[in-house]
Structures are given as structure tokens and as C-alpha cells.
């Protein structure tokens, strides 16, 4: 018996993290991402490396578990702690507004 392929694509397993980036006068946009690079660590390293212009919000969702939430503050903390742990310098444009005080958090993390 011949089986017909499903019309529904396979779901991405686990949580997906998306970044709202601010392009100044050009506006804001949810950034396009490779589906294999949407984990929390992928987003943290992309922010540290300067891949985003001005990340202002990060949202995570998991379709299998049916949840979505604003993880901006969690990612901001992860960016700072990862940069400190790996001895990396955060660039001047790296900021996630309304999330946490980068300098205050960094000084408390030492």
C-alpha cells in the first residue's frame, strides 16, 4: 500500500526564540532566523556578536507545549552572564530596553 506524504510539515521541537530589532528611522521588525538557530543560546550569542541592530524584545514559544512568553529580561541577563563567563566585551549598541540595568547587573555578577 502506497502512503501519501503529509501536507503538514514537521514541527520544530522545543522552544523557539525570536528577536524584535529596532532599526531606528526604518522601524522595527521581527528578525528572520534560520530554523536551526532559534535556541536560547543561539539568540544570546547572536546578540553578543552584534547580529542585531538594537534588540528590544525577545519572545519564546513552544508549539508542542502550547506556551508563549516575553523572555526579554531572561535573555538580557543571559547575554551579560555569558559575556562575563566567556570574557567577551558587549558592544555599545547591545541593549534590550526595559529589561535590566546592564552595568548594574554586570557589577553584581562579579
PDB file of N, CA and C in Angstrom:
ATOM      1  N   UNK A   1       0.841  -1.167   0.000  1.00  0.00           N
ATOM      2  CA  UNK A   1       0.000   0.000   0.000  1.00  0.00           C
ATOM      3  C   UNK A   1       0.895   1.242   0.000  1.00  0.00           C
ATOM      4  N   UNK A   2       0.618   2.142  -0.887  1.00  0.00           N
ATOM      5  CA  UNK A   2       1.391   3.373  -1.032  1.00  0.00           C
ATOM      6  C   UNK A   2       0.885   4.432  -0.053  1.00  0.00           C
ATOM      7  N   UNK A   3       1.827   5.061   0.653  1.00  0.00           N
ATOM      8  CA  UNK A   3       1.462   6.061   1.655  1.00  0.00           C
ATOM      9  C   UNK A   3       1.674   7.463   1.092  1.00  0.00           C
ATOM     10  N   UNK A   4       0.680   8.316   1.264  1.00  0.00           N
ATOM     11  CA  UNK A   4       0.761   9.697   0.798  1.00  0.00           C
ATOM     12  C   UNK A   4       1.480  10.539   1.850  1.00  0.00           C
ATOM     13  N   UNK A   5       2.446  11.376   1.412  1.00  0.00           N
ATOM     14  CA  UNK A   5       3.140  12.223   2.389  1.00  0.00           C
ATOM     15  C   UNK A   5       2.181  13.222   3.032  1.00  0.00           C
ATOM     16  N   UNK A   6       2.478  13.569   4.255  1.00  0.00           N
ATOM     17  CA  UNK A   6       1.648  14.511   4.999  1.00  0.00           C
ATOM     18  C   UNK A   6       1.761  15.908   4.407  1.00  0.00           C
ATOM     19  N   UNK A   7       0.656  16.627   4.417  1.00  0.00           N
ATOM     20  CA  UNK A   7       0.660  18.019   3.977  1.00  0.00           C
ATOM     21  C   UNK A   7       1.101  18.957   5.095  1.00  0.00           C
ATOM     22  N   UNK A   8       1.141  18.440   6.315  1.00  0.00           N
ATOM     23  CA  UNK A   8       1.538  19.238   7.475  1.00  0.00           C
ATOM     24  C   UNK A   8       3.030  19.034   7.712  1.00  0.00           C
ATOM     25  N   UNK A   9       3.814  20.125   7.700  1.00  0.00           N
ATOM     26  CA  UNK A   9       5.253  19.974   7.921  1.00  0.00           C
ATOM     27  C   UNK A   9       5.550  19.543   9.353  1.00  0.00           C
ATOM     28  N   UNK A  10       6.713  18.928   9.527  1.00  0.00           N
ATOM     29  CA  UNK A  10       7.139  18.545  10.875  1.00  0.00           C
ATOM     30  C   UNK A  10       7.314  19.794  11.719  1.00  0.00           C
ATOM     31  N   UNK A  11       6.891  19.715  12.961  1.00  0.00           N
ATOM     32  CA  UNK A  11       7.015  20.851  13.881  1.00  0.00           C
ATOM     33  C   UNK A  11       8.447  20.946  14.396  1.00  0.00           C
ATOM     34  N   UNK A  12       8.872  22.160  14.664  1.00  0.00           N
ATOM     35  CA  UNK A  12      10.168  22.389  15.277  1.00  0.00           C
ATOM     36  C   UNK A  12      10.060  21.937  16.729  1.00  0.00           C
ATOM     37  N   UNK A  13      10.995  21.107  17.159  1.00  0.00           N
ATOM     38  CA  UNK A  13      10.956  20.606  18.533  1.00  0.00           C
ATOM     39  C   UNK A  13      11.573  21.622  19.483  1.00  0.00           C
ATOM     40  N   UNK A  14      10.948  21.804  20.635  1.00  0.00           N
ATOM     41  CA  UNK A  14      11.488  22.701  21.649  1.00  0.00           C
ATOM     42  C   UNK A  14      11.076  24.139  21.445  1.00  0.00           C
ATOM     43  N   UNK A  15      11.588  24.976  22.338  1.00  0.00           N
ATOM     44  CA  UNK A  15      11.248  26.400  22.316  1.00  0.00           C
ATOM     45  C   UNK A  15      11.969  27.122  21.182  1.00  0.00           C
ATOM     46  N   UNK A  16      11.273  28.089  20.616  1.00  0.00           N
ATOM     47  CA  UNK A  16      11.815  28.952  19.566  1.00  0.00           C
ATOM     48  C   UNK A  16      11.900  30.358  20.143  1.00  0.00           C
ATOM     49  N   UNK A  17      13.035  31.015  19.931  1.00  0.00           N
ATOM     50  CA  UNK A  17      13.253  32.377  20.432  1.00  0.00           C
ATOM     51  C   UNK A  17      13.332  33.317  19.245  1.00  0.00           C
ATOM     52  N   UNK A  18      12.573  34.422  19.301  1.00  0.00           N
ATOM     53  CA  UNK A  18      12.558  35.416  18.227  1.00  0.00           C
ATOM     54  C   UNK A  18      12.890  36.787  18.795  1.00  0.00           C
ATOM     55  N   UNK A  19      13.562  37.607  17.974  1.00  0.00           N
ATOM     56  CA  UNK A  19      14.043  38.914  18.419  1.00  0.00           C
ATOM     57  C   UNK A  19      13.370  40.030  17.631  1.00  0.00           C
ATOM     58  N   UNK A  20      12.829  41.016  18.363  1.00  0.00           N
ATOM     59  CA  UNK A  20      12.312  42.238  17.756  1.00  0.00           C
ATOM     60  C   UNK A  20      13.469  43.227  17.738  1.00  0.00           C
ATOM     61  N   UNK A  21      13.845  43.670  16.546  1.00  0.00           N
ATOM     62  CA  UNK A  21      15.002  44.544  16.373  1.00  0.00           C
ATOM     63  C   UNK A  21      14.538  45.935  15.975  1.00  0.00           C
ATOM     64  N   UNK A  22      15.205  46.949  16.490  1.00  0.00           N
ATOM     65  CA  UNK A  22      14.873  48.349  16.214  1.00  0.00           C
ATOM     66  C   UNK A  22      15.884  48.906  15.223  1.00  0.00           C
ATOM     67  N   UNK A  23      15.403  49.327  14.062  1.00  0.00           N
ATOM     68  CA  UNK A  23      16.255  49.875  13.015  1.00  0.00           C
ATOM     69  C   UNK A  23      16.185  51.396  12.959  1.00  0.00           C
ATOM     70  N   UNK A  24      15.815  52.005  14.060  1.00  0.00           N
ATOM     71  CA  UNK A  24      15.746  53.466  14.123  1.00  0.00           C
ATOM     72  C   UNK A  24      14.641  54.012  13.245  1.00  0.00           C
ATOM     73  N   UNK A  25      14.993  54.929  12.359  1.00  0.00           N
ATOM     74  CA  UNK A  25      14.002  55.569  11.483  1.00  0.00           C
ATOM     75  C   UNK A  25      13.342  54.587  10.524  1.00  0.00           C
ATOM     76  N   UNK A  26      13.998  53.473  10.279  1.00  0.00           N
ATOM     77  CA  UNK A  26      13.429  52.468   9.381  1.00  0.00           C
ATOM     78  C   UNK A  26      12.348  51.626  10.048  1.00  0.00           C
ATOM     79  N   UNK A  27      12.258  51.706  11.369  1.00  0.00           N
ATOM     80  CA  UNK A  27      11.223  50.973  12.091  1.00  0.00           C
ATOM     81  C   UNK A  27      11.746  49.732  12.786  1.00  0.00           C
ATOM     82  N   UNK A  28      10.827  48.909  13.222  1.00  0.00           N
ATOM     83  CA  UNK A  28      11.134  47.684  13.949  1.00  0.00           C
ATOM     84  C   UNK A  28      10.670  46.478  13.145  1.00  0.00           C
ATOM     85  N   UNK A  29      11.332  45.351  13.384  1.00  0.00           N
ATOM     86  CA  UNK A  29      10.936  44.125  12.690  1.00  0.00           C
ATOM     87  C   UNK A  29      11.353  42.911  13.501  1.00  0.00           C
ATOM     88  N   UNK A  30      10.508  41.879  13.419  1.00  0.00           N
ATOM     89  CA  UNK A  30      10.905  40.590  13.964  1.00  0.00           C
ATOM     90  C   UNK A  30      11.891  40.016  12.969  1.00  0.00           C
ATOM     91  N   UNK A  31      13.084  39.715  13.422  1.00  0.00           N
ATOM     92  CA  UNK A  31      14.150  39.292  12.533  1.00  0.00           C
ATOM     93  C   UNK A  31      13.955  37.875  12.022  1.00  0.00           C
ATOM     94  N   UNK A  32      14.269  37.699  10.753  1.00  0.00           N
ATOM     95  CA  UNK A  32      14.228  36.381  10.139  1.00  0.00           C
ATOM     96  C   UNK A  32      15.382  35.559  10.701  1.00  0.00           C
ATOM     97  N   UNK A  33      15.118  34.295  10.989  1.00  0.00           N
ATOM     98  CA  UNK A  33      16.142  33.431  11.568  1.00  0.00           C
ATOM     99  C   UNK A  33      16.094  32.063  10.916  1.00  0.00           C
ATOM    100  N   UNK A  34      17.247  31.417  10.831  1.00  0.00           N
ATOM    101  CA  UNK A  34      17.328  30.042  10.369  1.00  0.00           C
ATOM    102  C   UNK A  34      16.652  29.158  11.414  1.00  0.00           C
ATOM    103  N   UNK A  35      15.824  28.231  10.991  1.00  0.00           N
ATOM    104  CA  UNK A  35      15.074  27.431  11.960  1.00  0.00           C
ATOM    105  C   UNK A  35      15.976  26.590  12.858  1.00  0.00           C
ATOM    106  N   UNK A  36      17.200  26.356  12.444  1.00  0.00           N
ATOM    107  CA  UNK A  36      18.141  25.594  13.262  1.00  0.00           C
ATOM    108  C   UNK A  36      18.893  26.475  14.257  1.00  0.00           C
ATOM    109  N   UNK A  37      18.665  27.789  14.232  1.00  0.00           N
ATOM    110  CA  UNK A  37      19.393  28.712  15.107  1.00  0.00           C
ATOM    111  C   UNK A  37      18.428  29.587  15.901  1.00  0.00           C
ATOM    112  N   UNK A  38      17.449  28.952  16.518  1.00  0.00           N
ATOM    113  CA  UNK A  38      16.439  29.704  17.270  1.00  0.00           C
ATOM    114  C   UNK A  38      16.409  29.331  18.749  1.00  0.00           C
ATOM    115  N   UNK A  39      17.461  28.681  19.229  1.00  0.00           N
ATOM    116  CA  UNK A  39      17.502  28.320  20.649  1.00  0.00           C
ATOM    117  C   UNK A  39      17.897  29.531  21.487  1.00  0.00           C
ATOM    118  N   UNK A  40      17.729  29.398  22.783  1.00  0.00           N
ATOM    119  CA  UNK A  40      18.115  30.481  23.691  1.00  0.00           C
ATOM    120  C   UNK A  40      19.592  30.829  23.514  1.00  0.00           C
ATOM    121  N   UNK A  41      20.459  29.811  23.489  1.00  0.00           N
ATOM    122  CA  UNK A  41      21.901  30.070  23.350  1.00  0.00           C
ATOM    123  C   UNK A  41      22.232  30.697  22.001  1.00  0.00           C
ATOM    124  N   UNK A  42      21.558  30.272  20.941  1.00  0.00           N
ATOM    125  CA  UNK A  42      21.791  30.873  19.622  1.00  0.00           C
ATOM    126  C   UNK A  42      21.488  32.365  19.655  1.00  0.00           C
ATOM    127  N   UNK A  43      20.369  32.734  20.263  1.00  0.00           N
ATOM    128  CA  UNK A  43      19.974  34.144  20.333  1.00  0.00           C
ATOM    129  C   UNK A  43      20.943  34.927  21.212  1.00  0.00           C
ATOM    130  N   UNK A  44      21.337  34.360  22.348  1.00  0.00           N
ATOM    131  CA  UNK A  44      22.292  35.034  23.234  1.00  0.00           C
ATOM    132  C   UNK A  44      23.589  35.326  22.484  1.00  0.00           C
ATOM    133  N   UNK A  45      24.134  34.330  21.804  1.00  0.00           N
ATOM    134  CA  UNK A  45      25.392  34.532  21.077  1.00  0.00           C
ATOM    135  C   UNK A  45      25.230  35.485  19.893  1.00  0.00           C
ATOM    136  N   UNK A  46      24.077  35.459  19.239  1.00  0.00           N
ATOM    137  CA  UNK A  46      23.833  36.395  18.133  1.00  0.00           C
ATOM    138  C   UNK A  46      23.782  37.832  18.641  1.00  0.00           C
ATOM    139  N   UNK A  47      23.196  38.045  19.806  1.00  0.00           N
ATOM    140  CA  UNK A  47      23.149  39.392  20.385  1.00  0.00           C
ATOM    141  C   UNK A  47      24.552  39.839  20.769  1.00  0.00           C
ATOM    142  N   UNK A  48      25.309  38.969  21.417  1.00  0.00           N
ATOM    143  CA  UNK A  48      26.677  39.309  21.816  1.00  0.00           C
ATOM    144  C   UNK A  48      27.533  39.639  20.602  1.00  0.00           C
ATOM    145  N   UNK A  49      27.378  38.878  19.528  1.00  0.00           N
ATOM    146  CA  UNK A  49      28.212  39.087  18.338  1.00  0.00           C
ATOM    147  C   UNK A  49      27.792  40.295  17.509  1.00  0.00           C
ATOM    148  N   UNK A  50      26.687  40.940  17.892  1.00  0.00           N
ATOM    149  CA  UNK A  50      26.257  42.142  17.182  1.00  0.00           C
ATOM    150  C   UNK A  50      25.409  41.876  15.957  1.00  0.00           C
ATOM    151  N   UNK A  51      24.827  40.686  15.884  1.00  0.00           N
ATOM    152  CA  UNK A  51      23.987  40.329  14.738  1.00  0.00           C
ATOM    153  C   UNK A  51      22.725  41.194  14.656  1.00  0.00           C
ATOM    154  N   UNK A  52      22.286  41.712  15.795  1.00  0.00           N
ATOM    155  CA  UNK A  52      21.094  42.551  15.824  1.00  0.00           C
ATOM    156  C   UNK A  52      21.489  44.009  15.991  1.00  0.00           C
ATOM    157  N   UNK A  53      20.717  44.908  15.367  1.00  0.00           N
ATOM    158  CA  UNK A  53      20.990  46.340  15.447  1.00  0.00           C
ATOM    159  C   UNK A  53      20.730  46.853  16.848  1.00  0.00           C
ATOM    160  N   UNK A  54      19.517  46.714  17.310  1.00  0.00           N
ATOM    161  CA  UNK A  54      19.111  47.106  18.670  1.00  0.00           C
ATOM    162  C   UNK A  54      18.016  46.156  19.124  1.00  0.00           C
ATOM    163  N   UNK A  55      18.378  45.033  19.702  1.00  0.00           N
ATOM    164  CA  UNK A  55      17.341  44.092  20.148  1.00  0.00           C
ATOM    165  C   UNK A  55      16.541  44.703  21.292  1.00  0.00           C
ATOM    166  N   UNK A  56      15.234  44.798  21.105  1.00  0.00           N
ATOM    167  CA  UNK A  56      14.418  45.443  22.138  1.00  0.00           C
ATOM    168  C   UNK A  56      13.436  44.494  22.815  1.00  0.00           C
ATOM    169  N   UNK A  57      13.205  43.343  22.222  1.00  0.00           N
ATOM    170  CA  UNK A  57      12.299  42.374  22.842  1.00  0.00           C
ATOM    171  C   UNK A  57      12.651  40.991  22.308  1.00  0.00           C
ATOM    172  N   UNK A  58      12.560  40.007  23.209  1.00  0.00           N
ATOM    173  CA  UNK A  58      12.750  38.617  22.813  1.00  0.00           C
ATOM    174  C   UNK A  58      11.543  37.837  23.322  1.00  0.00           C
ATOM    175  N   UNK A  59      10.952  37.070  22.429  1.00  0.00           N
ATOM    176  CA  UNK A  59       9.784  36.257  22.758  1.00  0.00           C
ATOM    177  C   UNK A  59      10.133  34.801  22.477  1.00  0.00           C
ATOM    178  N   UNK A  60       9.705  33.920  23.364  1.00  0.00           N
ATOM    179  CA  UNK A  60       9.906  32.487  23.158  1.00  0.00           C
ATOM    180  C   UNK A  60       8.545  31.807  23.098  1.00  0.00           C
ATOM    181  N   UNK A  61       8.479  30.746  22.292  1.00  0.00           N
ATOM    182  CA  UNK A  61       7.249  29.958  22.247  1.00  0.00           C
ATOM    183  C   UNK A  61       7.602  28.500  22.002  1.00  0.00           C
ATOM    184  N   UNK A  62       6.730  27.633  22.445  1.00  0.00           N
ATOM    185  CA  UNK A  62       6.885  26.200  22.225  1.00  0.00           C
ATOM    186  C   UNK A  62       5.535  25.679  21.748  1.00  0.00           C
ATOM    187  N   UNK A  63       5.465  25.313  20.494  1.00  0.00           N
ATOM    188  CA  UNK A  63       4.197  24.873  19.914  1.00  0.00           C
ATOM    189  C   UNK A  63       3.717  23.553  20.500  1.00  0.00           C
ATOM    190  N   UNK A  64       4.650  22.641  20.778  1.00  0.00           N
ATOM    191  CA  UNK A  64       4.253  21.352  21.349  1.00  0.00           C
ATOM    192  C   UNK A  64       3.635  21.515  22.731  1.00  0.00           C
ATOM    193  N   UNK A  65       4.215  22.399  23.528  1.00  0.00           N
ATOM    194  CA  UNK A  65       3.732  22.599  24.900  1.00  0.00           C
ATOM    195  C   UNK A  65       2.694  23.712  25.001  1.00  0.00           C
ATOM    196  N   UNK A  66       2.453  24.393  23.893  1.00  0.00           N
ATOM    197  CA  UNK A  66       1.420  25.434  23.786  1.00  0.00           C
ATOM    198  C   UNK A  66       1.611  26.589  24.765  1.00  0.00           C
ATOM    199  N   UNK A  67       2.818  27.189  24.734  1.00  0.00           N
ATOM    200  CA  UNK A  67       3.057  28.373  25.560  1.00  0.00           C
ATOM    201  C   UNK A  67       3.854  29.401  24.768  1.00  0.00           C
ATOM    202  N   UNK A  68       3.707  30.641  25.200  1.00  0.00           N
ATOM    203  CA  UNK A  68       4.473  31.755  24.638  1.00  0.00           C
ATOM    204  C   UNK A  68       4.704  32.754  25.766  1.00  0.00           C
ATOM    205  N   UNK A  69       5.898  33.369  25.787  1.00  0.00           N
ATOM    206  CA  UNK A  69       6.147  34.378  26.823  1.00  0.00           C
ATOM    207  C   UNK A  69       7.256  35.334  26.410  1.00  0.00           C
ATOM    208  N   UNK A  70       7.219  36.496  27.031  1.00  0.00           N
ATOM    209  CA  UNK A  70       8.250  37.512  26.855  1.00  0.00           C
ATOM    210  C   UNK A  70       9.443  37.089  27.718  1.00  0.00           C
ATOM    211  N   UNK A  71      10.580  36.835  27.080  1.00  0.00           N
ATOM    212  CA  UNK A  71      11.783  36.394  27.797  1.00  0.00           C
ATOM    213  C   UNK A  71      12.897  37.431  27.692  1.00  0.00           C
ATOM    214  N   UNK A  72      12.522  38.672  27.430  1.00  0.00           N
ATOM    215  CA  UNK A  72      13.499  39.739  27.231  1.00  0.00           C
ATOM    216  C   UNK A  72      14.457  39.856  28.410  1.00  0.00           C
ATOM    217  N   UNK A  73      13.923  39.913  29.601  1.00  0.00           N
ATOM    218  CA  UNK A  73      14.781  40.079  30.774  1.00  0.00           C
ATOM    219  C   UNK A  73      15.684  38.864  30.974  1.00  0.00           C
ATOM    220  N   UNK A  74      15.159  37.676  30.763  1.00  0.00           N
ATOM    221  CA  UNK A  74      15.969  36.460  30.895  1.00  0.00           C
ATOM    222  C   UNK A  74      17.128  36.464  29.902  1.00  0.00           C
ATOM    223  N   UNK A  75      16.845  36.859  28.668  1.00  0.00           N
ATOM    224  CA  UNK A  75      17.890  36.893  27.639  1.00  0.00           C
ATOM    225  C   UNK A  75      18.905  37.982  27.953  1.00  0.00           C
ATOM    226  N   UNK A  76      18.441  39.135  28.423  1.00  0.00           N
ATOM    227  CA  UNK A  76      19.373  40.209  28.787  1.00  0.00           C
ATOM    228  C   UNK A  76      20.347  39.727  29.854  1.00  0.00           C
ATOM    229  N   UNK A  77      19.842  39.049  30.852  1.00  0.00           N
ATOM    230  CA  UNK A  77      20.719  38.509  31.902  1.00  0.00           C
ATOM    231  C   UNK A  77      21.669  37.454  31.336  1.00  0.00           C
ATOM    232  N   UNK A  78      21.156  36.598  30.464  1.00  0.00           N
ATOM    233  CA  UNK A  78      21.997  35.561  29.865  1.00  0.00           C
ATOM    234  C   UNK A  78      23.100  36.168  29.000  1.00  0.00           C
ATOM    235  N   UNK A  79      22.786  37.261  28.297  1.00  0.00           N
ATOM    236  CA  UNK A  79      23.800  37.947  27.488  1.00  0.00           C
ATOM    237  C   UNK A  79      24.926  38.441  28.383  1.00  0.00           C
ATOM    238  N   UNK A  80      24.576  39.099  29.473  1.00  0.00           N
ATOM    239  CA  UNK A  80      25.587  39.647  30.385  1.00  0.00           C
ATOM    240  C   UNK A  80      26.399  38.529  31.031  1.00  0.00           C
ATOM    241  N   UNK A  81      25.727  37.514  31.578  1.00  0.00           N
ATOM    242  CA  UNK A  81      26.461  36.447  32.262  1.00  0.00           C
ATOM    243  C   UNK A  81      27.320  35.638  31.296  1.00  0.00           C
ATOM    244  N   UNK A  82      26.838  35.404  30.072  1.00  0.00           N
ATOM    245  CA  UNK A  82      27.626  34.683  29.071  1.00  0.00           C
ATOM    246  C   UNK A  82      28.841  35.497  28.661  1.00  0.00           C
ATOM    247  N   UNK A  83      28.651  36.789  28.433  1.00  0.00           N
ATOM    248  CA  UNK A  83      29.773  37.653  28.054  1.00  0.00           C
ATOM    249  C   UNK A  83      30.833  37.673  29.157  1.00  0.00           C
ATOM    250  N   UNK A  84      30.402  37.762  30.409  1.00  0.00           N
ATOM    251  CA  UNK A  84      31.350  37.759  31.531  1.00  0.00           C
ATOM    252  C   UNK A  84      32.069  36.414  31.609  1.00  0.00           C
ATOM    253  N   UNK A  85      31.314  35.321  31.532  1.00  0.00           N
ATOM    254  CA  UNK A  85      31.892  33.978  31.647  1.00  0.00           C
ATOM    255  C   UNK A  85      32.882  33.673  30.529  1.00  0.00           C
ATOM    256  N   UNK A  86      32.613  34.193  29.328  1.00  0.00           N
ATOM    257  CA  UNK A  86      33.469  33.919  28.178  1.00  0.00           C
ATOM    258  C   UNK A  86      34.480  35.032  27.921  1.00  0.00           C
ATOM    259  N   UNK A  87      34.502  36.041  28.797  1.00  0.00           N
ATOM    260  CA  UNK A  87      35.463  37.137  28.656  1.00  0.00           C
ATOM    261  C   UNK A  87      35.233  37.998  27.430  1.00  0.00           C
ATOM    262  N   UNK A  88      33.983  38.155  27.031  1.00  0.00           N
ATOM    263  CA  UNK A  88      33.644  38.926  25.838  1.00  0.00           C
ATOM    264  C   UNK A  88      33.225  40.338  26.219  1.00  0.00           C
ATOM    265  N   UNK A  89      33.426  41.275  25.302  1.00  0.00           N
ATOM    266  CA  UNK A  89      33.021  42.656  25.517  1.00  0.00           C
ATOM    267  C   UNK A  89      31.712  42.904  24.788  1.00  0.00           C
ATOM    268  N   UNK A  90      30.775  43.516  25.478  1.00  0.00           N
ATOM    269  CA  UNK A  90      29.499  43.866  24.853  1.00  0.00           C
ATOM    270  C   UNK A  90      29.653  45.187  24.128  1.00  0.00           C
ATOM    271  N   UNK A  91      29.194  45.247  22.889  1.00  0.00           N
ATOM    272  CA  UNK A  91      29.260  46.476  22.109  1.00  0.00           C
ATOM    273  C   UNK A  91      28.278  47.517  22.609  1.00  0.00           C
ATOM    274  N   UNK A  92      28.493  48.776  22.200  1.00  0.00           N
ATOM    275  CA  UNK A  92      27.640  49.865  22.688  1.00  0.00           C
ATOM    276  C   UNK A  92      26.190  49.782  22.232  1.00  0.00           C
ATOM    277  N   UNK A  93      25.924  49.119  21.114  1.00  0.00           N
ATOM    278  CA  UNK A  93      24.535  49.055  20.642  1.00  0.00           C
ATOM    279  C   UNK A  93      23.761  47.908  21.274  1.00  0.00           C
ATOM    280  N   UNK A  94      24.446  47.076  22.035  1.00  0.00           N
ATOM    281  CA  UNK A  94      23.741  45.953  22.645  1.00  0.00           C
ATOM    282  C   UNK A  94      22.969  46.444  23.850  1.00  0.00           C
ATOM    283  N   UNK A  95      21.662  46.451  23.703  1.00  0.00           N
ATOM    284  CA  UNK A  95      20.798  46.807  24.818  1.00  0.00           C
ATOM    285  C   UNK A  95      19.420  46.247  24.540  1.00  0.00           C
ATOM    286  N   UNK A  96      18.837  45.730  25.540  1.00  0.00           N
ATOM    287  CA  UNK A  96      17.455  45.288  25.432  1.00  0.00           C
ATOM    288  C   UNK A  96      16.697  46.199  26.380  1.00  0.00           C
ATOM    289  N   UNK A  97      15.972  47.144  25.812  1.00  0.00           N
ATOM    290  CA  UNK A  97      15.308  48.165  26.612  1.00  0.00           C
ATOM    291  C   UNK A  97      14.316  47.581  27.595  1.00  0.00           C
ATOM    292  N   UNK A  98      14.192  48.275  28.730  1.00  0.00           N
ATOM    293  CA  UNK A  98      13.213  47.933  29.765  1.00  0.00           C
ATOM    294  C   UNK A  98      13.444  46.555  30.375  1.00  0.00           C
ATOM    295  N   UNK A  99      14.621  45.989  30.180  1.00  0.00           N
ATOM    296  CA  UNK A  99      14.852  44.644  30.701  1.00  0.00           C
ATOM    297  C   UNK A  99      15.641  44.663  31.998  1.00  0.00           C
ATOM    298  N   UNK A 100      16.821  45.241  31.976  1.00  0.00           N
ATOM    299  CA  UNK A 100      17.620  45.334  33.191  1.00  0.00           C
ATOM    300  C   UNK A 100      18.710  46.366  32.981  1.00  0.00           C
ATOM    301  N   UNK A 101      19.324  46.800  34.075  1.00  0.00           N
ATOM    302  CA  UNK A 101      20.428  47.747  34.014  1.00  0.00           C
ATOM    303  C   UNK A 101      21.695  46.941  33.753  1.00  0.00           C
ATOM    304  N   UNK A 102      22.197  47.003  32.515  1.00  0.00           N
ATOM    305  CA  UNK A 102      23.357  46.193  32.121  1.00  0.00           C
ATOM    306  C   UNK A 102      24.534  46.397  33.070  1.00  0.00           C
ATOM    307  N   UNK A 103      24.919  47.644  33.297  1.00  0.00           N
ATOM    308  CA  UNK A 103      26.090  47.906  34.138  1.00  0.00           C
ATOM    309  C   UNK A 103      25.834  47.458  35.563  1.00  0.00           C
ATOM    310  N   UNK A 104      24.668  47.751  36.083  1.00  0.00           N
ATOM    311  CA  UNK A 104      24.340  47.334  37.440  1.00  0.00           C
ATOM    312  C   UNK A 104      24.324  45.826  37.573  1.00  0.00           C
ATOM    313  N   UNK A 105      23.761  45.153  36.583  1.00  0.00           N
ATOM    314  CA  UNK A 105      23.713  43.694  36.632  1.00  0.00           C
ATOM    315  C   UNK A 105      25.107  43.118  36.510  1.00  0.00           C
ATOM    316  N   UNK A 106      25.919  43.664  35.575  1.00  0.00           N
ATOM    317  CA  UNK A 106      27.275  43.160  35.367  1.00  0.00           C
ATOM    318  C   UNK A 106      28.116  43.336  36.627  1.00  0.00           C
ATOM    319  N   UNK A 107      27.974  44.468  37.303  1.00  0.00           N
ATOM    320  CA  UNK A 107      28.772  44.699  38.506  1.00  0.00           C
ATOM    321  C   UNK A 107      28.348  43.763  39.639  1.00  0.00           C
ATOM    322  N   UNK A 108      27.076  43.370  39.676  1.00  0.00           N
ATOM    323  CA  UNK A 108      26.609  42.437  40.707  1.00  0.00           C
ATOM    324  C   UNK A 108      27.040  41.012  40.398  1.00  0.00           C
ATOM    325  N   UNK A 109      27.372  40.739  39.127  1.00  0.00           N
ATOM    326  CA  UNK A 109      27.693  39.372  38.716  1.00  0.00           C
ATOM    327  C   UNK A 109      29.139  38.994  38.998  1.00  0.00           C
ATOM    328  N   UNK A 110      29.996  39.945  39.304  1.00  0.00           N
ATOM    329  CA  UNK A 110      31.419  39.640  39.543  1.00  0.00           C
ATOM    330  C   UNK A 110      31.632  39.027  40.889  1.00  0.00           C
TER     331      UNK A 110
END
